[in-house]
Amino acid sequence: MMGVSIHLLMDLTVAGFSLMIGFGIFAFVASILCSAAFFHNAKGHSSDATASFLSSLPFIVSTASSSLHHFLDFAS
């Protein structure tokens, strides 16, 4: 029977936390990109859609920045 050492448990714990942080960052970036794509395509295909998207871009960036700050505060 294999013995489970403390070192193995610590390695698995660190790997689990690393995966959670990595997947969290991936999900955050994917949600920002999906939101940008949605706002770009939801307005139709007129030239006003691009102007509308560009005018909403500072809101998307500020929301993403705020969410990232909350995530980093929570993680530390």
C-alpha atoms as a PDB file:
ATOM      1  CA  MET A   1       0.000   0.000   0.000  1.00  0.00           C
ATOM      2  CA  MET A   2       1.301   3.438  -0.891  1.00  0.00           C
ATOM      3  CA  GLY A   3       1.909   5.818   1.952  1.00  0.00           C
ATOM      4  CA  VAL A   4       0.707   9.377   1.618  1.00  0.00           C
ATOM      5  CA  SER A   5       3.361  11.783   2.778  1.00  0.00           C
ATOM      6  CA  ILE A   6       2.963  15.341   3.964  1.00  0.00           C
ATOM      7  CA  HIS A   7       5.105  16.478   1.031  1.00  0.00           C
ATOM      8  CA  LEU A   8       2.685  14.903  -1.467  1.00  0.00           C
ATOM      9  CA  LEU A   9      -0.308  16.512   0.228  1.00  0.00           C
ATOM     10  CA  MET A  10       1.396  19.920   0.196  1.00  0.00           C
ATOM     11  CA  ASP A  11       2.282  19.522  -3.509  1.00  0.00           C
ATOM     12  CA  LEU A  12      -1.314  18.631  -4.374  1.00  0.00           C
ATOM     13  CA  THR A  13      -2.640  21.561  -2.325  1.00  0.00           C
ATOM     14  CA  VAL A  14      -0.333  24.061  -4.032  1.00  0.00           C
ATOM     15  CA  ALA A  15      -1.194  22.594  -7.441  1.00  0.00           C
ATOM     16  CA  GLY A  16      -4.911  22.906  -6.656  1.00  0.00           C
ATOM     17  CA  PHE A  17      -4.593  26.549  -5.645  1.00  0.00           C
ATOM     18  CA  SER A  18      -2.494  27.277  -8.725  1.00  0.00           C
ATOM     19  CA  LEU A  19      -5.160  25.733 -10.950  1.00  0.00           C
ATOM     20  CA  MET A  20      -7.905  27.734  -9.240  1.00  0.00           C
ATOM     21  CA  ILE A  21      -6.010  30.996  -9.726  1.00  0.00           C
ATOM     22  CA  GLY A  22      -5.107  30.126 -13.323  1.00  0.00           C
ATOM     23  CA  PHE A  23      -8.659  29.147 -14.246  1.00  0.00           C
ATOM     24  CA  GLY A  24      -9.978  32.230 -12.455  1.00  0.00           C
ATOM     25  CA  ILE A  25      -7.756  34.543 -14.494  1.00  0.00           C
ATOM     26  CA  PHE A  26      -8.708  32.650 -17.669  1.00  0.00           C
ATOM     27  CA  ALA A  27     -12.427  32.985 -16.860  1.00  0.00           C
ATOM     28  CA  PHE A  28     -12.008  36.688 -16.095  1.00  0.00           C
ATOM     29  CA  VAL A  29     -10.254  37.416 -19.397  1.00  0.00           C
ATOM     30  CA  ALA A  30     -12.735  35.248 -21.332  1.00  0.00           C
ATOM     31  CA  SER A  31     -15.704  37.066 -19.771  1.00  0.00           C
ATOM     32  CA  ILE A  32     -14.260  40.461 -20.721  1.00  0.00           C
ATOM     33  CA  LEU A  33     -13.638  39.322 -24.293  1.00  0.00           C
ATOM     34  CA  CYS A  34     -17.106  37.783 -24.562  1.00  0.00           C
ATOM     35  CA  SER A  35     -18.685  40.954 -23.202  1.00  0.00           C
ATOM     36  CA  ALA A  36     -16.805  43.061 -25.726  1.00  0.00           C
ATOM     37  CA  ALA A  37     -17.850  40.751 -28.565  1.00  0.00           C
ATOM     38  CA  PHE A  38     -21.465  40.818 -27.393  1.00  0.00           C
ATOM     39  CA  PHE A  39     -21.584  44.611 -27.197  1.00  0.00           C
ATOM     40  CA  HIS A  40     -19.972  44.832 -30.607  1.00  0.00           C
ATOM     41  CA  ASN A  41     -22.451  42.450 -32.263  1.00  0.00           C
ATOM     42  CA  ALA A  42     -25.635  43.264 -30.327  1.00  0.00           C
ATOM     43  CA  LYS A  43     -25.990  46.716 -31.867  1.00  0.00           C
ATOM     44  CA  GLY A  44     -26.292  45.508 -35.452  1.00  0.00           C
ATOM     45  CA  HIS A  45     -23.936  45.973 -38.348  1.00  0.00           C
ATOM     46  CA  SER A  46     -24.233  49.686 -38.908  1.00  0.00           C
ATOM     47  CA  SER A  47     -21.424  52.184 -38.573  1.00  0.00           C
ATOM     48  CA  ASP A  48     -23.098  53.473 -35.402  1.00  0.00           C
ATOM     49  CA  ALA A  49     -22.416  50.121 -33.743  1.00  0.00           C
ATOM     50  CA  THR A  50     -18.661  50.680 -33.837  1.00  0.00           C
ATOM     51  CA  ALA A  51     -19.017  54.165 -32.403  1.00  0.00           C
ATOM     52  CA  SER A  52     -21.345  52.871 -29.704  1.00  0.00           C
ATOM     53  CA  PHE A  53     -18.936  50.045 -28.845  1.00  0.00           C
ATOM     54  CA  LEU A  54     -15.995  52.423 -28.654  1.00  0.00           C
ATOM     55  CA  SER A  55     -17.964  54.771 -26.415  1.00  0.00           C
ATOM     56  CA  SER A  56     -18.787  51.869 -24.047  1.00  0.00           C
ATOM     57  CA  LEU A  57     -15.192  50.603 -24.007  1.00  0.00           C
ATOM     58  CA  PRO A  58     -14.051  52.783 -21.047  1.00  0.00           C
ATOM     59  CA  PHE A  59     -16.915  51.317 -18.980  1.00  0.00           C
ATOM     60  CA  ILE A  60     -15.856  47.768 -19.876  1.00  0.00           C
ATOM     61  CA  VAL A  61     -12.220  48.482 -19.007  1.00  0.00           C
ATOM     62  CA  SER A  62     -13.076  50.209 -15.724  1.00  0.00           C
ATOM     63  CA  THR A  63     -15.377  47.337 -14.739  1.00  0.00           C
ATOM     64  CA  ALA A  64     -12.672  44.809 -15.579  1.00  0.00           C
ATOM     65  CA  SER A  65     -10.087  46.797 -13.637  1.00  0.00           C
ATOM     66  CA  SER A  66     -12.378  47.071 -10.627  1.00  0.00           C
ATOM     67  CA  SER A  67     -13.123  43.342 -10.704  1.00  0.00           C
ATOM     68  CA  LEU A  68      -9.430  42.523 -10.959  1.00  0.00           C
ATOM     69  CA  HIS A  69      -8.636  44.737  -7.949  1.00  0.00           C
ATOM     70  CA  HIS A  70     -11.360  42.991  -5.920  1.00  0.00           C
ATOM     71  CA  PHE A  71     -10.022  39.596  -6.975  1.00  0.00           C
ATOM     72  CA  LEU A  72      -6.440  40.507  -6.047  1.00  0.00           C
ATOM     73  CA  ASP A  73      -7.542  41.954  -2.695  1.00  0.00           C
ATOM     74  CA  PHE A  74      -9.440  38.742  -1.980  1.00  0.00           C
ATOM     75  CA  ALA A  75      -6.549  36.534  -3.067  1.00  0.00           C
ATOM     76  CA  SER A  76      -3.993  38.266  -0.831  1.00  0.00           C
END
